[in-house]
N, C-alpha and C. Protein backbone atom coordinates (compact mmCIF):
# COMPACT_ATOMS: atom_id res chain seq x y z
N MET A 1 67.51 288.30 79.57
CA MET A 1 66.81 288.42 78.29
C MET A 1 67.65 287.79 77.19
N ILE A 2 67.00 287.14 76.31
CA ILE A 2 67.68 286.44 75.22
C ILE A 2 67.78 287.36 74.01
N SER A 3 68.85 287.25 73.26
CA SER A 3 69.04 288.12 72.09
C SER A 3 68.09 287.74 70.96
N PRO A 4 67.74 288.70 70.12
CA PRO A 4 66.86 288.38 68.99
C PRO A 4 67.45 287.30 68.06
N LYS A 5 68.78 287.31 67.88
CA LYS A 5 69.40 286.29 67.03
C LYS A 5 69.21 284.88 67.60
N ILE A 6 69.43 284.75 68.90
CA ILE A 6 69.27 283.45 69.55
C ILE A 6 67.80 283.05 69.55
N GLN A 7 66.92 284.00 69.83
CA GLN A 7 65.48 283.72 69.81
C GLN A 7 65.05 283.19 68.44
N ASP A 8 65.48 283.85 67.37
CA ASP A 8 65.10 283.41 66.03
C ASP A 8 65.67 282.02 65.72
N ALA A 9 66.91 281.80 66.14
CA ALA A 9 67.55 280.50 65.88
C ALA A 9 66.85 279.39 66.67
N LEU A 10 66.47 279.66 67.90
CA LEU A 10 65.77 278.66 68.69
C LEU A 10 64.38 278.38 68.13
N ASN A 11 63.70 279.42 67.64
CA ASN A 11 62.40 279.20 67.01
C ASN A 11 62.55 278.35 65.74
N ALA A 12 63.61 278.57 64.99
CA ALA A 12 63.86 277.73 63.81
C ALA A 12 64.11 276.28 64.23
N GLN A 13 64.81 276.10 65.34
CA GLN A 13 65.08 274.74 65.82
C GLN A 13 63.80 274.08 66.33
N ILE A 14 62.94 274.83 66.96
CA ILE A 14 61.66 274.30 67.39
C ILE A 14 60.89 273.77 66.19
N ASN A 15 60.88 274.55 65.11
CA ASN A 15 60.21 274.12 63.89
C ASN A 15 60.86 272.85 63.34
N ALA A 16 62.18 272.80 63.36
CA ALA A 16 62.90 271.61 62.86
C ALA A 16 62.57 270.39 63.72
N GLU A 17 62.43 270.56 65.02
CA GLU A 17 62.10 269.44 65.90
C GLU A 17 60.68 268.93 65.62
N PHE A 18 59.75 269.86 65.39
CA PHE A 18 58.39 269.43 65.06
C PHE A 18 58.35 268.75 63.69
N TRP A 19 59.16 269.23 62.74
CA TRP A 19 59.24 268.57 61.44
C TRP A 19 59.78 267.15 61.62
N SER A 20 60.80 267.00 62.45
CA SER A 20 61.35 265.69 62.74
C SER A 20 60.28 264.77 63.33
N ALA A 21 59.51 265.30 64.27
CA ALA A 21 58.44 264.51 64.88
C ALA A 21 57.45 264.05 63.82
N TYR A 22 57.09 264.96 62.95
CA TYR A 22 56.12 264.65 61.89
C TYR A 22 56.69 263.61 60.93
N LEU A 23 57.97 263.71 60.62
CA LEU A 23 58.63 262.73 59.76
C LEU A 23 58.55 261.34 60.39
N TYR A 24 58.90 261.25 61.68
CA TYR A 24 58.90 259.95 62.35
C TYR A 24 57.48 259.40 62.53
N LEU A 25 56.51 260.27 62.72
CA LEU A 25 55.13 259.81 62.78
C LEU A 25 54.71 259.24 61.42
N ALA A 26 55.10 259.90 60.34
CA ALA A 26 54.79 259.39 59.00
C ALA A 26 55.45 258.02 58.78
N MET A 27 56.69 257.88 59.23
CA MET A 27 57.36 256.59 59.11
C MET A 27 56.62 255.53 59.92
N GLY A 28 56.23 255.88 61.13
CA GLY A 28 55.49 254.94 61.96
C GLY A 28 54.19 254.50 61.31
N MET A 29 53.47 255.44 60.75
CA MET A 29 52.19 255.11 60.10
C MET A 29 52.42 254.26 58.85
N HIS A 30 53.49 254.54 58.13
CA HIS A 30 53.81 253.75 56.94
C HIS A 30 54.03 252.28 57.33
N PHE A 31 54.87 252.06 58.33
CA PHE A 31 55.17 250.68 58.71
C PHE A 31 54.01 250.01 59.43
N GLU A 32 53.20 250.78 60.12
CA GLU A 32 51.98 250.23 60.72
C GLU A 32 51.08 249.68 59.61
N SER A 33 50.94 250.44 58.53
CA SER A 33 50.07 250.01 57.43
C SER A 33 50.63 248.78 56.71
N GLU A 34 51.92 248.53 56.86
CA GLU A 34 52.54 247.34 56.26
C GLU A 34 52.55 246.15 57.21
N GLY A 35 51.98 246.31 58.40
CA GLY A 35 51.95 245.21 59.35
C GLY A 35 53.24 245.02 60.11
N ARG A 36 54.09 246.00 60.12
CA ARG A 36 55.36 245.94 60.85
C ARG A 36 55.23 246.81 62.11
N SER A 37 54.45 246.29 63.04
CA SER A 37 54.08 247.09 64.20
C SER A 37 55.26 247.41 65.11
N GLY A 38 56.27 246.57 65.15
CA GLY A 38 57.44 246.86 65.98
C GLY A 38 58.24 248.02 65.43
N ILE A 39 58.47 247.99 64.14
CA ILE A 39 59.19 249.10 63.49
C ILE A 39 58.35 250.37 63.62
N ALA A 40 57.04 250.22 63.45
CA ALA A 40 56.15 251.38 63.62
C ALA A 40 56.27 251.93 65.04
N ASN A 41 56.32 251.05 66.03
CA ASN A 41 56.47 251.48 67.41
C ASN A 41 57.75 252.28 67.60
N TRP A 42 58.85 251.79 67.03
CA TRP A 42 60.13 252.49 67.18
C TRP A 42 60.00 253.94 66.68
N PHE A 43 59.37 254.09 65.52
CA PHE A 43 59.23 255.44 64.95
C PHE A 43 58.22 256.28 65.74
N LYS A 44 57.17 255.66 66.28
CA LYS A 44 56.22 256.43 67.08
C LYS A 44 56.85 256.92 68.38
N ILE A 45 57.74 256.13 68.96
CA ILE A 45 58.48 256.58 70.15
C ILE A 45 59.40 257.73 69.75
N GLN A 46 60.03 257.60 68.58
CA GLN A 46 60.90 258.67 68.08
C GLN A 46 60.11 259.96 67.88
N PHE A 47 58.89 259.83 67.39
CA PHE A 47 57.98 260.97 67.23
C PHE A 47 57.79 261.70 68.57
N LYS A 48 57.53 260.93 69.63
CA LYS A 48 57.34 261.53 70.96
C LYS A 48 58.61 262.22 71.44
N GLU A 49 59.76 261.59 71.19
CA GLU A 49 61.03 262.19 71.60
C GLU A 49 61.25 263.54 70.92
N GLU A 50 60.96 263.61 69.64
CA GLU A 50 61.17 264.87 68.90
C GLU A 50 60.21 265.95 69.39
N GLN A 51 58.98 265.57 69.71
CA GLN A 51 58.06 266.54 70.29
C GLN A 51 58.61 267.06 71.62
N ALA A 52 59.18 266.16 72.40
CA ALA A 52 59.76 266.54 73.68
C ALA A 52 60.93 267.50 73.48
N HIS A 53 61.75 267.25 72.44
CA HIS A 53 62.87 268.14 72.17
C HIS A 53 62.35 269.55 71.87
N ALA A 54 61.29 269.63 71.07
CA ALA A 54 60.69 270.95 70.79
C ALA A 54 60.20 271.60 72.07
N GLU A 55 59.59 270.79 72.94
CA GLU A 55 59.08 271.33 74.20
C GLU A 55 60.21 271.85 75.09
N ILE A 56 61.32 271.14 75.11
CA ILE A 56 62.48 271.60 75.89
C ILE A 56 62.93 272.97 75.40
N PHE A 57 63.04 273.12 74.08
CA PHE A 57 63.44 274.42 73.52
C PHE A 57 62.40 275.50 73.83
N MET A 58 61.11 275.16 73.74
CA MET A 58 60.08 276.16 74.03
C MET A 58 60.13 276.58 75.49
N ASN A 59 60.26 275.61 76.40
CA ASN A 59 60.35 275.94 77.82
C ASN A 59 61.56 276.83 78.09
N TYR A 60 62.67 276.49 77.47
CA TYR A 60 63.89 277.27 77.68
C TYR A 60 63.71 278.70 77.16
N LEU A 61 63.18 278.84 75.96
CA LEU A 61 63.00 280.16 75.38
C LEU A 61 62.08 281.00 76.25
N ASN A 62 60.99 280.41 76.73
CA ASN A 62 60.09 281.14 77.63
C ASN A 62 60.77 281.51 78.94
N SER A 63 61.60 280.61 79.46
CA SER A 63 62.27 280.89 80.74
C SER A 63 63.27 282.03 80.63
N ARG A 64 63.74 282.29 79.42
CA ARG A 64 64.71 283.36 79.19
C ARG A 64 64.05 284.65 78.73
N GLY A 65 62.74 284.71 78.78
CA GLY A 65 62.03 285.93 78.39
C GLY A 65 61.85 286.08 76.90
N GLY A 66 62.07 285.01 76.18
CA GLY A 66 61.88 285.04 74.72
C GLY A 66 60.44 284.76 74.35
N ARG A 67 60.21 284.76 73.06
CA ARG A 67 58.87 284.49 72.55
C ARG A 67 58.94 283.32 71.58
N VAL A 68 58.11 282.32 71.84
CA VAL A 68 58.02 281.17 70.95
C VAL A 68 57.10 281.53 69.80
N VAL A 69 57.59 281.33 68.58
CA VAL A 69 56.80 281.60 67.38
C VAL A 69 56.72 280.29 66.59
N LEU A 70 55.52 279.73 66.53
CA LEU A 70 55.32 278.46 65.82
C LEU A 70 54.98 278.74 64.36
N LYS A 71 55.78 278.20 63.49
CA LYS A 71 55.60 278.39 62.05
C LYS A 71 55.05 277.10 61.43
N PRO A 72 54.53 277.18 60.22
CA PRO A 72 54.05 275.95 59.56
C PRO A 72 55.18 274.93 59.39
N ILE A 73 54.78 273.67 59.42
CA ILE A 73 55.73 272.58 59.23
C ILE A 73 55.67 272.14 57.78
N ASP A 74 56.84 272.03 57.15
CA ASP A 74 56.91 271.58 55.76
C ASP A 74 56.44 270.14 55.64
N GLU A 75 56.01 269.79 54.45
CA GLU A 75 55.55 268.44 54.15
C GLU A 75 56.68 267.43 54.34
N VAL A 76 56.31 266.22 54.75
CA VAL A 76 57.27 265.13 54.92
C VAL A 76 56.96 264.03 53.91
N PRO A 77 57.94 263.16 53.63
CA PRO A 77 57.66 262.01 52.75
C PRO A 77 56.57 261.12 53.36
N GLU A 78 55.99 260.27 52.53
CA GLU A 78 54.90 259.41 52.99
C GLU A 78 55.21 257.93 52.91
N THR A 79 56.19 257.55 52.09
CA THR A 79 56.47 256.13 51.90
C THR A 79 57.98 255.89 51.88
N TRP A 80 58.34 254.65 52.24
CA TRP A 80 59.74 254.23 52.23
C TRP A 80 59.80 252.85 51.61
N ALA A 81 60.85 252.58 50.86
CA ALA A 81 60.96 251.33 50.11
C ALA A 81 61.11 250.12 51.02
N SER A 82 61.70 250.33 52.19
CA SER A 82 61.98 249.22 53.10
C SER A 82 62.35 249.78 54.47
N PRO A 83 62.39 248.93 55.49
CA PRO A 83 62.89 249.40 56.78
C PRO A 83 64.32 249.95 56.67
N LEU A 84 65.17 249.30 55.88
CA LEU A 84 66.53 249.79 55.70
C LEU A 84 66.52 251.20 55.12
N ASP A 85 65.71 251.42 54.11
CA ASP A 85 65.60 252.75 53.50
C ASP A 85 65.18 253.78 54.55
N ALA A 86 64.20 253.44 55.38
CA ALA A 86 63.71 254.39 56.39
C ALA A 86 64.80 254.71 57.41
N PHE A 87 65.54 253.69 57.84
CA PHE A 87 66.58 253.95 58.84
C PHE A 87 67.78 254.67 58.23
N GLU A 88 68.06 254.44 56.96
CA GLU A 88 69.12 255.21 56.30
C GLU A 88 68.71 256.68 56.20
N GLN A 89 67.44 256.92 55.90
CA GLN A 89 66.95 258.30 55.87
C GLN A 89 66.92 258.91 57.28
N THR A 90 66.65 258.07 58.27
CA THR A 90 66.68 258.52 59.66
C THR A 90 68.09 258.99 60.02
N LEU A 91 69.09 258.19 59.68
CA LEU A 91 70.47 258.58 59.98
C LEU A 91 70.83 259.88 59.27
N ALA A 92 70.51 259.99 57.99
CA ALA A 92 70.82 261.22 57.25
C ALA A 92 70.12 262.41 57.90
N HIS A 93 68.89 262.22 58.33
CA HIS A 93 68.15 263.31 58.96
C HIS A 93 68.79 263.68 60.30
N GLU A 94 69.15 262.69 61.09
CA GLU A 94 69.77 262.98 62.39
C GLU A 94 71.12 263.67 62.22
N GLU A 95 71.85 263.34 61.18
CA GLU A 95 73.11 264.04 60.90
C GLU A 95 72.84 265.51 60.57
N LYS A 96 71.74 265.76 59.87
CA LYS A 96 71.36 267.15 59.58
C LYS A 96 70.99 267.88 60.87
N VAL A 97 70.23 267.21 61.73
CA VAL A 97 69.85 267.83 63.01
C VAL A 97 71.10 268.12 63.84
N THR A 98 72.06 267.20 63.81
CA THR A 98 73.32 267.43 64.53
C THR A 98 73.98 268.72 64.04
N SER A 99 73.99 268.94 62.73
CA SER A 99 74.60 270.17 62.21
C SER A 99 73.81 271.40 62.65
N LEU A 100 72.48 271.28 62.75
CA LEU A 100 71.68 272.40 63.24
C LEU A 100 72.01 272.72 64.70
N ILE A 101 72.15 271.68 65.51
CA ILE A 101 72.50 271.88 66.92
C ILE A 101 73.90 272.49 67.03
N ASN A 102 74.82 271.98 66.23
CA ASN A 102 76.18 272.54 66.25
C ASN A 102 76.19 274.01 65.85
N ASN A 103 75.37 274.37 64.86
CA ASN A 103 75.27 275.77 64.44
C ASN A 103 74.69 276.64 65.56
N LEU A 104 73.69 276.11 66.28
CA LEU A 104 73.14 276.84 67.42
C LEU A 104 74.20 277.05 68.49
N TYR A 105 74.98 276.01 68.74
CA TYR A 105 76.05 276.08 69.74
C TYR A 105 77.06 277.16 69.36
N ALA A 106 77.45 277.17 68.07
CA ALA A 106 78.41 278.16 67.59
C ALA A 106 77.83 279.58 67.72
N LEU A 107 76.54 279.73 67.42
CA LEU A 107 75.90 281.04 67.55
C LEU A 107 75.87 281.48 69.01
N ALA A 108 75.53 280.55 69.89
CA ALA A 108 75.50 280.89 71.33
C ALA A 108 76.89 281.34 71.79
N GLU A 109 77.93 280.68 71.32
CA GLU A 109 79.30 281.10 71.68
C GLU A 109 79.60 282.48 71.11
N ALA A 110 79.24 282.70 69.85
CA ALA A 110 79.51 283.99 69.22
C ALA A 110 78.77 285.12 69.91
N GLU A 111 77.58 284.82 70.43
CA GLU A 111 76.77 285.83 71.12
C GLU A 111 77.12 285.92 72.61
N HIS A 112 78.08 285.12 73.04
CA HIS A 112 78.45 285.05 74.46
C HIS A 112 77.25 284.70 75.34
N ASP A 113 76.38 283.83 74.82
CA ASP A 113 75.19 283.38 75.54
C ASP A 113 75.52 282.00 76.11
N TYR A 114 76.15 282.01 77.28
CA TYR A 114 76.64 280.77 77.88
C TYR A 114 75.52 279.93 78.47
N ALA A 115 74.42 280.54 78.83
CA ALA A 115 73.27 279.79 79.32
C ALA A 115 72.70 278.92 78.20
N THR A 116 72.55 279.51 77.02
CA THR A 116 72.04 278.75 75.88
C THR A 116 73.04 277.67 75.49
N ARG A 117 74.30 278.03 75.49
CA ARG A 117 75.33 277.03 75.17
C ARG A 117 75.24 275.86 76.14
N GLY A 118 75.05 276.15 77.41
CA GLY A 118 74.92 275.10 78.41
C GLY A 118 73.70 274.23 78.17
N LYS A 119 72.58 274.84 77.81
CA LYS A 119 71.36 274.07 77.51
C LYS A 119 71.59 273.16 76.32
N LEU A 120 72.38 273.62 75.36
CA LEU A 120 72.64 272.83 74.15
C LEU A 120 73.55 271.63 74.41
N ASP A 121 74.29 271.64 75.51
CA ASP A 121 75.16 270.50 75.82
C ASP A 121 74.37 269.19 75.83
N TRP A 122 73.18 269.20 76.42
CA TRP A 122 72.35 268.00 76.46
C TRP A 122 72.00 267.54 75.04
N PHE A 123 71.67 268.50 74.17
CA PHE A 123 71.30 268.16 72.80
C PHE A 123 72.49 267.61 72.01
N VAL A 124 73.68 268.12 72.28
CA VAL A 124 74.88 267.61 71.60
C VAL A 124 75.03 266.12 71.93
N SER A 125 74.93 265.77 73.19
CA SER A 125 75.03 264.36 73.60
C SER A 125 73.88 263.54 73.04
N GLU A 126 72.70 264.09 73.03
CA GLU A 126 71.53 263.40 72.50
C GLU A 126 71.72 263.05 71.03
N GLN A 127 72.31 263.96 70.28
CA GLN A 127 72.51 263.70 68.85
C GLN A 127 73.52 262.58 68.61
N VAL A 128 74.52 262.47 69.44
CA VAL A 128 75.46 261.35 69.33
C VAL A 128 74.69 260.04 69.49
N GLU A 129 73.83 259.99 70.48
CA GLU A 129 73.01 258.79 70.73
C GLU A 129 72.07 258.51 69.55
N GLU A 130 71.44 259.55 69.02
CA GLU A 130 70.50 259.38 67.91
C GLU A 130 71.20 258.78 66.68
N GLU A 131 72.35 259.33 66.35
CA GLU A 131 73.08 258.83 65.19
C GLU A 131 73.57 257.40 65.42
N GLU A 132 74.07 257.13 66.61
CA GLU A 132 74.58 255.79 66.92
C GLU A 132 73.47 254.74 66.82
N THR A 133 72.29 255.05 67.35
CA THR A 133 71.17 254.12 67.31
C THR A 133 70.73 253.85 65.88
N ALA A 134 70.62 254.90 65.08
CA ALA A 134 70.22 254.71 63.68
C ALA A 134 71.25 253.86 62.94
N GLN A 135 72.53 254.12 63.17
CA GLN A 135 73.58 253.35 62.50
C GLN A 135 73.54 251.88 62.92
N GLN A 136 73.30 251.62 64.18
CA GLN A 136 73.21 250.24 64.66
C GLN A 136 72.06 249.50 63.98
N LEU A 137 70.92 250.17 63.83
CA LEU A 137 69.78 249.53 63.17
C LEU A 137 70.07 249.30 61.69
N ILE A 138 70.74 250.23 61.05
CA ILE A 138 71.14 250.04 59.65
C ILE A 138 72.06 248.84 59.53
N ASP A 139 73.04 248.75 60.40
CA ASP A 139 73.98 247.62 60.36
C ASP A 139 73.24 246.30 60.54
N ARG A 140 72.30 246.26 61.47
CA ARG A 140 71.53 245.03 61.70
C ARG A 140 70.67 244.68 60.51
N LEU A 141 70.04 245.68 59.91
CA LEU A 141 69.19 245.42 58.75
C LEU A 141 70.01 244.94 57.56
N LYS A 142 71.21 245.46 57.42
CA LYS A 142 72.08 244.98 56.34
C LYS A 142 72.48 243.52 56.58
N LEU A 143 72.74 243.16 57.82
CA LEU A 143 73.04 241.76 58.15
C LEU A 143 71.84 240.85 57.87
N ILE A 144 70.66 241.34 58.19
CA ILE A 144 69.43 240.57 58.00
C ILE A 144 69.17 240.31 56.52
N GLY A 145 69.42 241.33 55.70
CA GLY A 145 69.15 241.18 54.27
C GLY A 145 67.70 240.80 54.01
N ASN A 146 67.49 239.72 53.28
CA ASN A 146 66.14 239.27 52.93
C ASN A 146 65.64 238.15 53.83
N ASP A 147 66.25 237.95 54.98
CA ASP A 147 65.85 236.90 55.90
C ASP A 147 64.58 237.32 56.64
N GLY A 148 63.46 236.77 56.22
CA GLY A 148 62.16 237.15 56.79
C GLY A 148 62.05 236.87 58.28
N LEU A 149 62.59 235.74 58.72
CA LEU A 149 62.51 235.41 60.14
C LEU A 149 63.32 236.40 60.97
N ALA A 150 64.49 236.75 60.50
CA ALA A 150 65.33 237.72 61.23
C ALA A 150 64.65 239.09 61.27
N LEU A 151 64.01 239.49 60.17
CA LEU A 151 63.29 240.77 60.16
C LEU A 151 62.11 240.72 61.13
N TYR A 152 61.43 239.59 61.17
CA TYR A 152 60.33 239.42 62.11
C TYR A 152 60.84 239.56 63.55
N MET A 153 61.97 238.95 63.84
CA MET A 153 62.54 239.02 65.19
C MET A 153 62.94 240.44 65.56
N LEU A 154 63.53 241.18 64.61
CA LEU A 154 63.87 242.57 64.86
C LEU A 154 62.61 243.39 65.10
N ASP A 155 61.56 243.13 64.30
CA ASP A 155 60.30 243.84 64.48
C ASP A 155 59.74 243.59 65.88
N GLN A 156 59.83 242.36 66.35
CA GLN A 156 59.36 242.02 67.69
C GLN A 156 60.18 242.75 68.76
N GLU A 157 61.48 242.82 68.54
CA GLU A 157 62.35 243.52 69.49
C GLU A 157 62.02 245.01 69.54
N LEU A 158 61.82 245.62 68.38
CA LEU A 158 61.53 247.06 68.34
C LEU A 158 60.17 247.39 68.93
N ALA A 159 59.29 246.39 69.00
CA ALA A 159 57.98 246.58 69.62
C ALA A 159 58.09 246.81 71.12
N THR A 160 59.22 246.43 71.72
CA THR A 160 59.37 246.58 73.17
C THR A 160 59.90 247.96 73.58
N ARG A 161 60.27 248.77 72.61
CA ARG A 161 60.79 250.10 72.94
C ARG A 161 59.70 250.92 73.63
N VAL A 162 60.07 251.60 74.70
CA VAL A 162 59.12 252.45 75.43
C VAL A 162 59.65 253.88 75.48
N TYR A 163 58.73 254.80 75.62
CA TYR A 163 59.09 256.21 75.71
C TYR A 163 59.56 256.54 77.12
N ASN A 164 60.67 257.25 77.20
CA ASN A 164 61.18 257.76 78.47
C ASN A 164 61.24 259.28 78.36
N VAL A 165 60.68 259.94 79.34
CA VAL A 165 60.70 261.41 79.34
C VAL A 165 62.14 261.87 79.40
N PRO A 166 62.57 262.74 78.47
CA PRO A 166 63.96 263.23 78.50
C PRO A 166 64.25 263.98 79.81
N ALA A 167 65.47 263.87 80.28
CA ALA A 167 65.88 264.47 81.55
C ALA A 167 65.47 265.94 81.70
N PRO A 168 65.68 266.79 80.67
CA PRO A 168 65.30 268.20 80.86
C PRO A 168 63.80 268.42 81.10
N LEU A 169 62.96 267.48 80.63
CA LEU A 169 61.52 267.60 80.89
C LEU A 169 61.15 266.91 82.19
N ALA A 170 61.82 265.82 82.50
CA ALA A 170 61.51 265.09 83.73
C ALA A 170 61.70 265.99 84.95
N ALA A 171 62.66 266.87 84.87
CA ALA A 171 62.90 267.79 85.98
C ALA A 171 61.75 268.75 86.18
N LYS A 172 60.96 268.98 85.14
CA LYS A 172 59.83 269.91 85.21
C LYS A 172 58.58 269.23 85.76
N GLU A 173 58.56 267.88 85.71
CA GLU A 173 57.35 267.16 86.13
C GLU A 173 57.34 266.84 87.59
C-alpha cells in the first residue's frame, strides 16, 4: 500500500504531466497555424510523450493500491514569438519538471518508499534527455538566426520525428 503523502504527490505529478502535454499541444497547434509543420510535429510528439508519462504514473499508483485523482488542468499559453522562444520556454519548463521529479524522489526516500524511488529512476534519466534535447534545439536555432533556408531545413528535419512508446509502457503492451 502506498502512503497518503506519496499518493498525493504522485497525483500532483500526474496533473503536471497532463499540463505539460497540454502546453506542448498548444505549441504544436501554434506552429501548425504558422505553416511550420515540422516544428508542430516535434511538439505534437512531445504532447504524446507527456501523456504517456502521466499514464506511467497512473499505472504505477494503481498497481500500488493507490487512487488516481484527476484534477483540472491550468490554462496554458497560446502563442510564442518564434521557434526559439518556444524552445527556450520548453527548456525552462523541463527544468521545472526536473525539480518536481527530484522532489518526488526526495519524498520517496524520506518515506522509505524504495519502490517509488525505483520507479522514479526512469524519470530522472528521462529529464536529462528532455533538457539536453531542448538545449540542442535552442543552440541550433541561435546558430540559424534569421536564415530562412536553415529554418526551413530544421523544420523538415523535425517533421521526421516519430513517437516511440516509453519503455515503462511498452512493457505493458
